[in-house]
PDB file of N, CA and C in Angstrom:
ATOM      1  N   MET A   1     104.655  91.904  79.949  1.00  0.00           N
ATOM      2  CA  MET A   1     104.686  92.584  81.222  1.00  0.00           C
ATOM      3  C   MET A   1     103.227  92.882  81.629  1.00  0.00           C
ATOM      4  N   PHE A   2     102.887  92.518  82.852  1.00  0.00           N
ATOM      5  CA  PHE A   2     101.511  92.682  83.324  1.00  0.00           C
ATOM      6  C   PHE A   2     101.024  94.122  83.241  1.00  0.00           C
ATOM      7  N   SER A   3     101.890  95.073  83.548  1.00  0.00           N
ATOM      8  CA  SER A   3     101.451  96.470  83.549  1.00  0.00           C
ATOM      9  C   SER A   3     100.987  96.901  82.164  1.00  0.00           C
ATOM     10  N   GLN A   4     101.640  96.436  81.133  1.00  0.00           N
ATOM     11  CA  GLN A   4     101.245  96.799  79.771  1.00  0.00           C
ATOM     12  C   GLN A   4      99.960  96.080  79.365  1.00  0.00           C
ATOM     13  N   GLU A   5      99.831  94.825  79.749  1.00  0.00           N
ATOM     14  CA  GLU A   5      98.641  94.049  79.399  1.00  0.00           C
ATOM     15  C   GLU A   5      97.388  94.574  80.099  1.00  0.00           C
ATOM     16  N   LEU A   6      97.534  95.033  81.339  1.00  0.00           N
ATOM     17  CA  LEU A   6      96.383  95.433  82.138  1.00  0.00           C
ATOM     18  C   LEU A   6      96.058  96.931  82.071  1.00  0.00           C
ATOM     19  N   ALA A   7      96.934  97.710  81.477  1.00  0.00           N
ATOM     20  CA  ALA A   7      96.719  99.156  81.396  1.00  0.00           C
ATOM     21  C   ALA A   7      95.412  99.497  80.686  1.00  0.00           C
ATOM     22  N   ALA A   8      95.057  98.757  79.652  1.00  0.00           N
ATOM     23  CA  ALA A   8      93.819  99.028  78.918  1.00  0.00           C
ATOM     24  C   ALA A   8      92.581  98.832  79.786  1.00  0.00           C
ATOM     25  N   LYS A   9      92.722  98.055  80.857  1.00  0.00           N
ATOM     26  CA  LYS A   9      91.612  97.830  81.793  1.00  0.00           C
ATOM     27  C   LYS A   9      91.694  98.784  82.988  1.00  0.00           C
ATOM     28  N   ASN A  10      92.577  99.789  82.876  1.00  0.00           N
ATOM     29  CA  ASN A  10      92.780 100.774  83.941  1.00  0.00           C
ATOM     30  C   ASN A  10      93.267 100.128  85.243  1.00  0.00           C
ATOM     31  N   ILE A  11      94.073  99.078  85.091  1.00  0.00           N
ATOM     32  CA  ILE A  11      94.680  98.401  86.243  1.00  0.00           C
ATOM     33  C   ILE A  11      96.167  98.711  86.228  1.00  0.00           C
ATOM     34  N   ARG A  12      96.639  99.268  87.331  1.00  0.00           N
ATOM     35  CA  ARG A  12      98.063  99.578  87.470  1.00  0.00           C
ATOM     36  C   ARG A  12      98.753  98.452  88.219  1.00  0.00           C
ATOM     37  N   VAL A  13      99.987  98.139  87.829  1.00  0.00           N
ATOM     38  CA  VAL A  13     100.755  97.065  88.449  1.00  0.00           C
ATOM     39  C   VAL A  13     102.063  97.661  88.947  1.00  0.00           C
ATOM     40  N   ASN A  14     102.190  97.759  90.255  1.00  0.00           N
ATOM     41  CA  ASN A  14     103.399  98.283  90.879  1.00  0.00           C
ATOM     42  C   ASN A  14     103.766  97.383  92.049  1.00  0.00           C
ATOM     43  N   ALA A  15     104.975  97.543  92.546  1.00  0.00           N
ATOM     44  CA  ALA A  15     105.433  96.692  93.646  1.00  0.00           C
ATOM     45  C   ALA A  15     106.415  97.446  94.529  1.00  0.00           C
ATOM     46  N   ILE A  16     106.602  96.922  95.729  1.00  0.00           N
ATOM     47  CA  ILE A  16     107.713  97.366  96.569  1.00  0.00           C
ATOM     48  C   ILE A  16     108.627  96.158  96.740  1.00  0.00           C
ATOM     49  N   ALA A  17     109.909  96.420  96.865  1.00  0.00           N
ATOM     50  CA  ALA A  17     110.899  95.372  97.078  1.00  0.00           C
ATOM     51  C   ALA A  17     111.669  95.731  98.346  1.00  0.00           C
ATOM     52  N   PRO A  18     111.176  95.264  99.490  1.00  0.00           N
ATOM     53  CA  PRO A  18     111.820  95.645 100.748  1.00  0.00           C
ATOM     54  C   PRO A  18     113.090  94.850 101.019  1.00  0.00           C
ATOM     55  N   GLY A  19     114.007  95.511 101.700  1.00  0.00           N
ATOM     56  CA  GLY A  19     115.171  94.819 102.231  1.00  0.00           C
ATOM     57  C   GLY A  19     114.753  94.204 103.563  1.00  0.00           C
ATOM     58  N   VAL A  20     115.655  94.206 104.533  1.00  0.00           N
ATOM     59  CA  VAL A  20     115.320  93.659 105.848  1.00  0.00           C
ATOM     60  C   VAL A  20     114.481  94.686 106.598  1.00  0.00           C
ATOM     61  N   ILE A  21     113.269  94.295 106.920  1.00  0.00           N
ATOM     62  CA  ILE A  21     112.334  95.140 107.665  1.00  0.00           C
ATOM     63  C   ILE A  21     112.136  94.504 109.036  1.00  0.00           C
ATOM     64  N   LYS A  22     112.087  95.318 110.081  1.00  0.00           N
ATOM     65  CA  LYS A  22     111.923  94.802 111.444  1.00  0.00           C
ATOM     66  C   LYS A  22     110.542  94.164 111.613  1.00  0.00           C
ATOM     67  N   THR A  23     110.495  92.852 111.462  1.00  0.00           N
ATOM     68  CA  THR A  23     109.275  92.075 111.653  1.00  0.00           C
ATOM     69  C   THR A  23     109.644  90.791 112.389  1.00  0.00           C
ATOM     70  N   LYS A  24     108.655  89.993 112.710  1.00  0.00           N
ATOM     71  CA  LYS A  24     108.942  88.703 113.346  1.00  0.00           C
ATOM     72  C   LYS A  24     109.823  87.842 112.453  1.00  0.00           C
ATOM     73  N   MET A  25     109.633  87.942 111.150  1.00  0.00           N
ATOM     74  CA  MET A  25     110.409  87.136 110.214  1.00  0.00           C
ATOM     75  C   MET A  25     111.901  87.468 110.273  1.00  0.00           C
ATOM     76  N   SER A  26     112.249  88.714 110.531  1.00  0.00           N
ATOM     77  CA  SER A  26     113.653  89.131 110.541  1.00  0.00           C
ATOM     78  C   SER A  26     114.219  89.257 111.959  1.00  0.00           C
ATOM     79  N   GLN A  27     113.513  88.769 112.945  1.00  0.00           N
ATOM     80  CA  GLN A  27     113.897  88.975 114.351  1.00  0.00           C
ATOM     81  C   GLN A  27     115.329  88.527 114.648  1.00  0.00           C
ATOM     82  N   THR A  28     115.778  87.411 114.075  1.00  0.00           N
ATOM     83  CA  THR A  28     117.140  86.920 114.338  1.00  0.00           C
ATOM     84  C   THR A  28     118.187  87.930 113.903  1.00  0.00           C
ATOM     85  N   LEU A  29     118.016  88.536 112.744  1.00  0.00           N
ATOM     86  CA  LEU A  29     118.959  89.556 112.278  1.00  0.00           C
ATOM     87  C   LEU A  29     118.852  90.828 113.105  1.00  0.00           C
ATOM     88  N   VAL A  30     117.647  91.243 113.379  1.00  0.00           N
ATOM     89  CA  VAL A  30     117.410  92.500 114.087  1.00  0.00           C
ATOM     90  C   VAL A  30     117.959  92.455 115.510  1.00  0.00           C
ATOM     91  N   ASP A  31     117.944  91.288 116.136  1.00  0.00           N
ATOM     92  CA  ASP A  31     118.418  91.160 117.513  1.00  0.00           C
ATOM     93  C   ASP A  31     119.932  91.257 117.647  1.00  0.00           C
ATOM     94  N   GLN A  32     120.673  91.238 116.545  1.00  0.00           N
ATOM     95  CA  GLN A  32     122.125  91.370 116.610  1.00  0.00           C
ATOM     96  C   GLN A  32     122.474  92.803 117.009  1.00  0.00           C
ATOM     97  N   ASP A  33     123.644  92.969 117.617  1.00  0.00           N
ATOM     98  CA  ASP A  33     124.055  94.286 118.092  1.00  0.00           C
ATOM     99  C   ASP A  33     124.296  95.291 116.961  1.00  0.00           C
ATOM    100  N   GLU A  34     124.738  94.810 115.816  1.00  0.00           N
ATOM    101  CA  GLU A  34     124.985  95.715 114.702  1.00  0.00           C
ATOM    102  C   GLU A  34     124.602  95.028 113.397  1.00  0.00           C
ATOM    103  N   ILE A  35     124.383  95.831 112.383  1.00  0.00           N
ATOM    104  CA  ILE A  35     124.019  95.285 111.080  1.00  0.00           C
ATOM    105  C   ILE A  35     125.247  94.574 110.498  1.00  0.00           C
ATOM    106  N   PRO A  36     125.091  93.334 110.070  1.00  0.00           N
ATOM    107  CA  PRO A  36     126.237  92.618 109.477  1.00  0.00           C
ATOM    108  C   PRO A  36     126.774  93.354 108.258  1.00  0.00           C
ATOM    109  N   ASP A  37     128.089  93.286 108.055  1.00  0.00           N
ATOM    110  CA  ASP A  37     128.723  93.951 106.916  1.00  0.00           C
ATOM    111  C   ASP A  37     128.125  93.494 105.593  1.00  0.00           C
ATOM    112  N   VAL A  38     127.707  92.256 105.520  1.00  0.00           N
ATOM    113  CA  VAL A  38     127.170  91.739 104.263  1.00  0.00           C
ATOM    114  C   VAL A  38     125.849  92.394 103.886  1.00  0.00           C
ATOM    115  N   ALA A  39     125.213  93.095 104.809  1.00  0.00           N
ATOM    116  CA  ALA A  39     123.956  93.757 104.495  1.00  0.00           C
ATOM    117  C   ALA A  39     124.159  94.876 103.485  1.00  0.00           C
ATOM    118  N   GLY A  40     125.350  95.501 103.482  1.00  0.00           N
ATOM    119  CA  GLY A  40     125.646  96.574 102.542  1.00  0.00           C
ATOM    120  C   GLY A  40     124.661  97.721 102.631  1.00  0.00           C
ATOM    121  N   ASN A  41     124.249  98.050 103.839  1.00  0.00           N
ATOM    122  CA  ASN A  41     123.198  99.031 104.044  1.00  0.00           C
ATOM    123  C   ASN A  41     123.805 100.378 104.442  1.00  0.00           C
ATOM    124  N   PRO A  42     123.865 101.343 103.507  1.00  0.00           N
ATOM    125  CA  PRO A  42     124.456 102.648 103.812  1.00  0.00           C
ATOM    126  C   PRO A  42     123.736 103.420 104.922  1.00  0.00           C
ATOM    127  N   LEU A  43     122.455 103.175 105.127  1.00  0.00           N
ATOM    128  CA  LEU A  43     121.748 103.873 106.200  1.00  0.00           C
ATOM    129  C   LEU A  43     122.053 103.276 107.570  1.00  0.00           C
ATOM    130  N   ASN A  44     122.702 102.123 107.588  1.00  0.00           N
ATOM    131  CA  ASN A  44     123.155 101.475 108.814  1.00  0.00           C
ATOM    132  C   ASN A  44     122.015 101.202 109.793  1.00  0.00           C
ATOM    133  N   ARG A  45     120.866 100.801 109.249  1.00  0.00           N
ATOM    134  CA  ARG A  45     119.738 100.405 110.091  1.00  0.00           C
ATOM    135  C   ARG A  45     118.792  99.559 109.260  1.00  0.00           C
ATOM    136  N   TYR A  46     117.918  98.868 109.941  1.00  0.00           N
ATOM    137  CA  TYR A  46     116.886  98.103 109.259  1.00  0.00           C
ATOM    138  C   TYR A  46     115.658  98.980 109.063  1.00  0.00           C
ATOM    139  N   GLY A  47     114.825  98.591 108.112  1.00  0.00           N
ATOM    140  CA  GLY A  47     113.613  99.333 107.847  1.00  0.00           C
ATOM    141  C   GLY A  47     112.533  99.043 108.873  1.00  0.00           C
ATOM    142  N   GLU A  48     111.595  99.953 108.976  1.00  0.00           N
ATOM    143  CA  GLU A  48     110.447  99.810 109.857  1.00  0.00           C
ATOM    144  C   GLU A  48     109.212  99.530 108.998  1.00  0.00           C
ATOM    145  N   PRO A  49     108.271  98.735 109.492  1.00  0.00           N
ATOM    146  CA  PRO A  49     107.075  98.427 108.708  1.00  0.00           C
ATOM    147  C   PRO A  49     106.331  99.663 108.209  1.00  0.00           C
ATOM    148  N   HIS A  50     106.271 100.716 109.021  1.00  0.00           N
ATOM    149  CA  HIS A  50     105.539 101.910 108.593  1.00  0.00           C
ATOM    150  C   HIS A  50     106.189 102.572 107.379  1.00  0.00           C
ATOM    151  N   GLU A  51     107.491 102.353 107.191  1.00  0.00           N
ATOM    152  CA  GLU A  51     108.156 102.926 106.031  1.00  0.00           C
ATOM    153  C   GLU A  51     107.688 102.246 104.739  1.00  0.00           C
ATOM    154  N   CYS A  52     107.395 100.975 104.806  1.00  0.00           N
ATOM    155  CA  CYS A  52     106.823 100.268 103.648  1.00  0.00           C
ATOM    156  C   CYS A  52     105.371 100.679 103.457  1.00  0.00           C
ATOM    157  N   ALA A  53     104.660 100.832 104.542  1.00  0.00           N
ATOM    158  CA  ALA A  53     103.237 101.172 104.467  1.00  0.00           C
ATOM    159  C   ALA A  53     103.031 102.508 103.759  1.00  0.00           C
ATOM    160  N   GLY A  54     103.906 103.467 104.003  1.00  0.00           N
ATOM    161  CA  GLY A  54     103.783 104.760 103.353  1.00  0.00           C
ATOM    162  C   GLY A  54     103.917 104.653 101.840  1.00  0.00           C
ATOM    163  N   ALA A  55     104.849 103.825 101.383  1.00  0.00           N
ATOM    164  CA  ALA A  55     105.024 103.640  99.941  1.00  0.00           C
ATOM    165  C   ALA A  55     103.820 102.937  99.327  1.00  0.00           C
ATOM    166  N   VAL A  56     103.292 101.948 100.029  1.00  0.00           N
ATOM    167  CA  VAL A  56     102.107 101.244  99.540  1.00  0.00           C
ATOM    168  C   VAL A  56     100.921 102.199  99.481  1.00  0.00           C
ATOM    169  N   ALA A  57     100.746 102.995 100.526  1.00  0.00           N
ATOM    170  CA  ALA A  57      99.647 103.967 100.543  1.00  0.00           C
ATOM    171  C   ALA A  57      99.767 104.931  99.367  1.00  0.00           C
ATOM    172  N   PHE A  58     100.980 105.364  99.061  1.00  0.00           N
ATOM    173  CA  PHE A  58     101.179 106.238  97.914  1.00  0.00           C
ATOM    174  C   PHE A  58     100.797 105.531  96.617  1.00  0.00           C
ATOM    175  N   LEU A  59     101.276 104.305  96.423  1.00  0.00           N
ATOM    176  CA  LEU A  59     101.015 103.596  95.169  1.00  0.00           C
ATOM    177  C   LEU A  59      99.531 103.346  94.920  1.00  0.00           C
ATOM    178  N   VAL A  60      98.748 103.184  95.975  1.00  0.00           N
ATOM    179  CA  VAL A  60      97.309 102.940  95.776  1.00  0.00           C
ATOM    180  C   VAL A  60      96.504 104.249  95.763  1.00  0.00           C
ATOM    181  N   SER A  61      97.173 105.374  95.981  1.00  0.00           N
ATOM    182  CA  SER A  61      96.468 106.656  96.019  1.00  0.00           C
ATOM    183  C   SER A  61      96.316 107.250  94.617  1.00  0.00           C
ATOM    184  N   ASP A  62      95.471 108.266  94.533  1.00  0.00           N
ATOM    185  CA  ASP A  62      95.303 108.996  93.277  1.00  0.00           C
ATOM    186  C   ASP A  62      96.581 109.735  92.876  1.00  0.00           C
ATOM    187  N   ASP A  63      97.447 110.029  93.842  1.00  0.00           N
ATOM    188  CA  ASP A  63      98.704 110.703  93.536  1.00  0.00           C
ATOM    189  C   ASP A  63      99.608 109.859  92.634  1.00  0.00           C
ATOM    190  N   ALA A  64      99.398 108.556  92.627  1.00  0.00           N
ATOM    191  CA  ALA A  64     100.202 107.653  91.801  1.00  0.00           C
ATOM    192  C   ALA A  64      99.412 107.122  90.605  1.00  0.00           C
ATOM    193  N   SER A  65      98.367 107.828  90.224  1.00  0.00           N
ATOM    194  CA  SER A  65      97.469 107.330  89.175  1.00  0.00           C
ATOM    195  C   SER A  65      98.131 107.186  87.807  1.00  0.00           C
ATOM    196  N   TYR A  66      99.270 107.806  87.608  1.00  0.00           N
ATOM    197  CA  TYR A  66      99.965 107.716  86.318  1.00  0.00           C
ATOM    198  C   TYR A  66     101.219 106.841  86.421  1.00  0.00           C
ATOM    199  N   ILE A  67     101.337 106.084  87.488  1.00  0.00           N
ATOM    200  CA  ILE A  67     102.490 105.209  87.690  1.00  0.00           C
ATOM    201  C   ILE A  67     102.044 103.767  87.508  1.00  0.00           C
ATOM    202  N   THR A  68     102.727 103.054  86.636  1.00  0.00           N
ATOM    203  CA  THR A  68     102.479 101.622  86.469  1.00  0.00           C
ATOM    204  C   THR A  68     103.757 100.958  85.973  1.00  0.00           C
ATOM    205  N   GLY A  69     103.920  99.701  86.338  1.00  0.00           N
ATOM    206  CA  GLY A  69     105.098  98.950  85.915  1.00  0.00           C
ATOM    207  C   GLY A  69     106.352  99.294  86.688  1.00  0.00           C
ATOM    208  N   GLU A  70     106.209  99.835  87.885  1.00  0.00           N
ATOM    209  CA  GLU A  70     107.367 100.259  88.670  1.00  0.00           C
ATOM    210  C   GLU A  70     107.530  99.433  89.935  1.00  0.00           C
ATOM    211  N   THR A  71     108.766  99.304  90.362  1.00  0.00           N
ATOM    212  CA  THR A  71     109.100  98.659  91.627  1.00  0.00           C
ATOM    213  C   THR A  71     109.886  99.658  92.461  1.00  0.00           C
ATOM    214  N   ILE A  72     109.430  99.907  93.669  1.00  0.00           N
ATOM    215  CA  ILE A  72     110.131 100.805  94.580  1.00  0.00           C
ATOM    216  C   ILE A  72     111.011  99.955  95.490  1.00  0.00           C
ATOM    217  N   LEU A  73     112.321 100.188  95.415  1.00  0.00           N
ATOM    218  CA  LEU A  73     113.269  99.479  96.271  1.00  0.00           C
ATOM    219  C   LEU A  73     113.295 100.164  97.625  1.00  0.00           C
ATOM    220  N   MET A  74     113.093  99.390  98.665  1.00  0.00           N
ATOM    221  CA  MET A  74     113.076  99.928 100.030  1.00  0.00           C
ATOM    222  C   MET A  74     114.078  99.127 100.848  1.00  0.00           C
ATOM    223  N   ASN A  75     115.349  99.445 100.653  1.00  0.00           N
ATOM    224  CA  ASN A  75     116.391  98.599 101.209  1.00  0.00           C
ATOM    225  C   ASN A  75     117.524  99.374 101.875  1.00  0.00           C
ATOM    226  N   GLY A  76     117.282 100.620 102.222  1.00  0.00           N
ATOM    227  CA  GLY A  76     118.319 101.410 102.887  1.00  0.00           C
ATOM    228  C   GLY A  76     119.537 101.700 102.025  1.00  0.00           C
ATOM    229  N   GLY A  77     119.385 101.538 100.728  1.00  0.00           N
ATOM    230  CA  GLY A  77     120.501 101.793  99.812  1.00  0.00           C
ATOM    231  C   GLY A  77     121.329 100.563  99.509  1.00  0.00           C
ATOM    232  N   ALA A  78     120.985  99.422 100.095  1.00  0.00           N
ATOM    233  CA  ALA A  78     121.714  98.179  99.822  1.00  0.00           C
ATOM    234  C   ALA A  78     121.405  97.708  98.411  1.00  0.00           C
ATOM    235  N   HIS A  79     122.346  97.057  97.794  1.00  0.00           N
ATOM    236  CA  HIS A  79     122.143  96.519  96.458  1.00  0.00           C
ATOM    237  C   HIS A  79     122.249  95.004  96.501  1.00  0.00           C
ATOM    238  N   ALA A  80     121.420  94.332  95.735  1.00  0.00           N
ATOM    239  CA  ALA A  80     121.472  92.871  95.685  1.00  0.00           C
ATOM    240  C   ALA A  80     122.800  92.438  95.071  1.00  0.00           C
ATOM    241  N   ARG A  81     123.366  91.396  95.632  1.00  0.00           N
ATOM    242  CA  ARG A  81     124.637  90.860  95.116  1.00  0.00           C
ATOM    243  C   ARG A  81     124.481  89.354  94.978  1.00  0.00           C
ATOM    244  N   LEU A  82     124.952  88.836  93.872  1.00  0.00           N
ATOM    245  CA  LEU A  82     124.961  87.377  93.683  1.00  0.00           C
ATOM    246  C   LEU A  82     126.344  86.840  93.876  1.00  0.00           C
TER     247      LEU A  82
END
């Protein structure tokens, strides 16, 4: 795991895992009148880019200096299904 290998060099490895965020890439989904049932999104809305930015800003801040090897799910409560 990268976080364990790089910790000795004082490098933290964290990630965000966004669901559908309102961007040009997701425009086709976002333009629909309602969120499709298959989205499984309990918040019943898509994410906004600034919501991801806040998590990224936190992860790179001193407030997260003791966090490594973590992934923050940003998906409105939806769960991945295969």
